Protein backbone atom coordinates (compact mmCIF):
# COMPACT_ATOMS: atom_id res chain seq x y z
CA MET A 1 -0.13 0.30 0.14
CA SER A 2 1.18 3.57 -0.63
CA CYS A 3 1.15 6.01 1.82
CA LYS A 4 3.16 8.60 3.75
CA PHE A 5 4.81 8.55 6.99
CA SER A 6 5.55 11.56 9.39
CA LEU A 7 7.35 11.19 12.85
CA LYS A 8 6.94 13.87 15.43
CA ASN A 9 7.39 14.41 19.01
CA PHE A 10 4.60 15.14 21.04
CA ASP A 11 5.24 19.10 21.07
CA GLU A 12 5.30 18.87 17.38
CA LEU A 13 1.95 17.66 17.33
CA THR A 14 -0.93 19.52 16.44
CA SER A 15 -4.30 19.45 17.99
CA VAL A 16 -5.39 17.91 14.81
CA ASP A 17 -2.74 15.20 14.67
CA LEU A 18 -3.56 14.35 18.38
CA TYR A 19 -7.35 14.17 18.02
CA TYR A 20 -6.74 11.69 15.25
CA ILE A 21 -4.39 9.66 16.82
CA LEU A 22 -6.22 9.34 19.96
CA LYS A 23 -9.67 8.64 17.96
CA ALA A 24 -7.66 5.96 15.85
CA ARG A 25 -6.26 4.48 19.27
CA SER A 26 -9.80 4.60 20.90
CA GLN A 27 -11.35 2.99 17.95
CA VAL A 28 -9.12 0.22 17.82
CA PHE A 29 -7.88 -0.83 21.09
CA VAL A 30 -10.95 0.01 23.25
CA VAL A 31 -13.81 -0.10 21.21
CA GLU A 32 -12.95 -2.89 18.59
CA GLN A 33 -11.42 -4.86 21.41
CA ASN A 34 -13.90 -4.19 24.06
CA CYS A 35 -11.49 -3.47 26.35
CA ALA A 36 -11.85 -0.63 28.91
CA TYR A 37 -8.65 0.64 30.12
CA GLN A 38 -6.85 3.99 30.02
CA ASP A 39 -5.50 4.69 26.89
CA ILE A 40 -4.19 8.13 27.34
CA ASP A 41 -1.29 8.16 29.58
CA GLU A 42 1.66 10.21 30.54
CA VAL A 43 3.88 8.21 28.43
CA ASP A 44 2.98 9.81 25.01
CA PHE A 45 4.68 13.15 26.07
CA ASP A 46 7.94 11.32 25.88
CA CYS A 47 7.47 9.09 22.69
CA LEU A 48 7.80 9.55 19.06
CA HIS A 49 4.71 9.53 17.28
CA LEU A 50 4.95 7.73 13.78
CA VAL A 51 1.80 8.00 11.61
CA ALA A 52 0.93 6.46 8.04
CA HIS A 53 -1.23 8.75 6.08
CA LYS A 54 -3.26 8.36 2.41
CA ASN A 55 -4.32 11.56 0.99
CA GLU A 56 -3.66 12.98 4.49
CA LYS A 57 -6.24 10.92 6.44
CA LEU A 58 -4.28 8.86 9.35
CA ILE A 59 -4.81 5.00 8.58
CA GLY A 60 -2.09 3.62 10.64
CA TYR A 61 0.11 4.56 13.63
CA CYS A 62 2.27 3.41 16.43
CA ARG A 63 4.81 5.22 19.05
CA ILE A 64 8.49 5.07 19.85
CA ILE A 65 9.67 4.80 23.53
CA ALA A 66 13.02 6.00 23.66
CA PRO A 67 15.57 3.81 25.90
CA ASP A 68 16.29 6.55 28.33
CA PHE A 69 12.59 6.92 28.91
CA ASP A 70 11.85 7.92 32.67
CA LYS A 71 9.37 4.95 33.73
CA ALA A 72 9.39 5.97 37.65
CA LYS A 73 7.45 9.23 37.06
CA LEU A 74 4.97 7.76 35.34
CA ASN A 75 4.63 4.44 38.02
CA ILE A 76 4.30 1.86 35.20
CA ALA A 77 4.46 -0.59 38.02
CA LYS A 78 0.57 -0.49 38.06
CA SER A 79 0.38 -2.22 34.64
CA HIS A 80 2.79 -5.11 32.82
CA ASN A 81 3.74 -2.72 30.74
CA SER A 82 7.27 -4.68 30.04
CA ALA A 83 8.03 -3.47 26.60
CA ALA A 84 8.89 -0.16 28.08
CA ASP A 85 11.51 -1.69 30.55
CA ALA A 86 12.73 -4.75 28.45
CA THR A 87 16.64 -4.19 29.51
CA GLY A 88 15.94 -0.73 31.20
CA THR A 89 17.71 0.89 28.27
CA THR A 90 16.09 -0.59 25.31
CA PRO A 91 13.71 1.61 22.97
CA SER A 92 10.13 -0.18 22.42
CA ILE A 93 7.51 0.17 20.31
CA GLY A 94 3.81 0.26 21.04
CA ARG A 95 0.28 0.94 20.22
CA VAL A 96 0.56 -0.22 16.74
CA LEU A 97 -2.67 -0.22 14.63
CA VAL A 98 -3.86 -0.07 11.40
CA LEU A 99 -7.58 1.21 10.69
CA PRO A 100 -10.09 -1.79 9.52
CA GLU A 101 -10.53 -0.74 6.19
CA TYR A 102 -6.86 -0.89 5.27
CA ARG A 103 -5.77 -4.04 6.53
CA GLY A 104 -4.76 -6.84 4.71
CA ASP A 105 -2.52 -4.63 2.30
CA GLY A 106 1.01 -5.09 4.62
CA LEU A 107 0.67 -1.66 6.21
CA ALA A 108 1.55 -3.08 9.56
CA ARG A 109 4.86 -4.60 8.55
CA GLN A 110 5.55 -1.08 6.64
CA ILE A 111 4.46 0.87 9.99
CA MET A 112 6.97 -1.75 12.27
CA THR A 113 9.52 -1.81 9.43
CA GLN A 114 9.64 2.14 9.46
CA ALA A 115 10.09 2.27 13.19
CA ILE A 116 12.41 -0.32 13.37
CA LYS A 117 14.61 1.15 10.91
CA TYR A 118 14.23 4.74 12.99
CA CYS A 119 15.08 3.28 16.35
CA ARG A 120 18.43 1.85 14.62
CA LYS A 121 19.26 4.87 13.12
CA LYS A 122 18.86 6.97 16.28
CA TYR A 123 19.88 4.09 18.94
CA GLY A 124 22.18 1.90 17.37
CA LYS A 125 22.55 -1.42 18.19
CA LYS A 126 20.06 -1.45 20.89
CA PRO A 127 17.64 -4.42 20.77
CA ILE A 128 14.22 -3.12 20.42
CA ALA A 129 11.20 -4.13 22.85
CA ILE A 130 7.41 -4.69 22.21
CA SER A 131 4.72 -5.87 24.44
CA ALA A 132 2.82 -8.32 21.77
CA GLN A 133 -0.88 -9.35 21.79
CA THR A 134 -0.45 -13.25 21.48
CA TYR A 135 -2.42 -13.88 18.31
CA LEU A 136 0.24 -11.58 16.62
CA ILE A 137 3.21 -13.34 17.65
CA ARG A 138 3.62 -14.70 14.27
CA PHE A 139 3.67 -11.51 12.75
CA TYR A 140 6.09 -10.19 15.01
CA GLU A 141 8.44 -13.28 14.49
CA SER A 142 8.38 -12.58 10.55
CA LEU A 143 10.01 -9.23 11.18
CA GLY A 144 12.50 -11.12 13.73
CA PHE A 145 11.15 -10.30 17.15
CA THR A 146 11.58 -13.45 19.66
CA PRO A 147 9.39 -13.85 22.66
CA TYR A 148 11.03 -13.42 26.19
CA SER A 149 8.87 -13.54 28.52
CA GLU A 150 5.86 -16.13 29.71
CA PHE A 151 2.05 -15.19 28.34
CA TYR A 152 0.46 -12.67 30.59
CA LEU A 153 -2.98 -10.59 30.81
CA GLU A 154 -2.61 -7.02 30.39
CA ASP A 155 -6.14 -5.33 30.69
CA GLY A 156 -7.58 -8.62 29.91
CA ILE A 157 -5.71 -9.53 26.66
CA GLU A 158 -3.35 -11.65 26.81
CA HIS A 159 0.07 -10.58 25.92
CA VAL A 160 3.63 -11.66 25.54
CA ASP A 161 6.84 -9.82 25.86
CA MET A 162 9.25 -9.87 22.49
CA VAL A 163 12.41 -8.37 21.58
CA LEU A 164 14.10 -7.79 18.48
CA SER A 165 18.12 -7.90 18.51
CA LEU A 166 20.51 -7.34 15.98
CA ARG A 167 21.49 -10.66 14.06
CA LYS A 168 25.14 -11.33 14.75
CA LYS A 169 27.24 -12.22 11.44
CA VAL A 170 29.63 -14.41 13.76
CA LYS A 171 27.74 -17.49 12.67
CA ALA A 172 28.31 -16.54 8.86
CA LYS A 173 31.83 -15.83 9.61
CA ASN A 174 32.47 -18.87 11.10
CA GLN A 175 30.75 -20.86 8.16
CA ARG A 176 33.07 -18.95 5.83
CA SER A 177 36.20 -19.80 7.62
CA SER A 178 35.28 -23.49 7.89
CA SER A 179 34.46 -23.30 4.40
CA THR A 180 37.57 -21.33 3.75
CA LYS A 181 39.94 -24.26 5.34
CA ILE A 182 37.83 -27.13 3.87
CA LEU A 183 38.94 -25.57 0.15
CA ASN A 184 42.49 -24.75 1.19
CA PHE A 185 43.00 -28.37 2.31
CA LEU A 186 41.88 -29.76 -0.83
CA LEU A 187 43.78 -27.29 -2.73
CA LEU A 188 46.88 -28.41 -0.83
CA VAL A 189 46.20 -32.01 -1.64
CA LEU A 190 45.35 -31.50 -5.14
CA ALA A 191 48.79 -29.52 -5.14
CA LEU A 192 50.67 -32.55 -3.56
CA LEU A 193 49.11 -35.02 -5.85
CA PHE A 194 50.25 -32.88 -8.69
CA ILE A 195 53.84 -32.69 -7.53
CA ALA A 196 53.87 -36.54 -6.91
CA GLY A 197 52.67 -37.19 -10.43
CA LEU A 198 55.42 -35.03 -11.97
CA ILE A 199 57.81 -36.85 -9.65
CA TYR A 200 56.48 -40.45 -10.79
CA LEU A 201 56.65 -39.23 -14.50
CA MET A 202 60.27 -37.68 -14.14
CA VAL A 203 61.41 -41.24 -12.28
């Protein structure tokens, strides 16, 4: 799906931006999921807000929480929002949504890809954490996230904490070096056989 993305901190959001973000979050997380919970929280002040637009209309959204986010002042202990404190120094992505009429065209993947790309650019090699609803585990696994917690209920909905770590290239290097050793050994054997053949012909 073709769309445009905007990324703003809280102070950069206009009142119209904020209205449509909160409307979409309420529509998806409260009304559609039939879950009465406090969606509007003080975490929003410290987040970056990534919005997918089509013809100026909000069609998808997520928020990015910085790794240096001050959880203590928000009393996150009230809820199990582990995505915000996976390691204490980890960026996290949350409130990922696509409005119902725009689902099925890969927009959620585009949103997550944009959010991951930003986190990698801004925060470097840090892991990225999410608190995922369990029915979306396969989707997030397809993006490279892996579960690292038991399932738990948050506001009556089953969740699991997942993390996206940088893929290590160590294995590839090890495989390459072992392949190189085998190839070198075969070349050495061939060279020795060639020399032995020359000596045999000369005798």
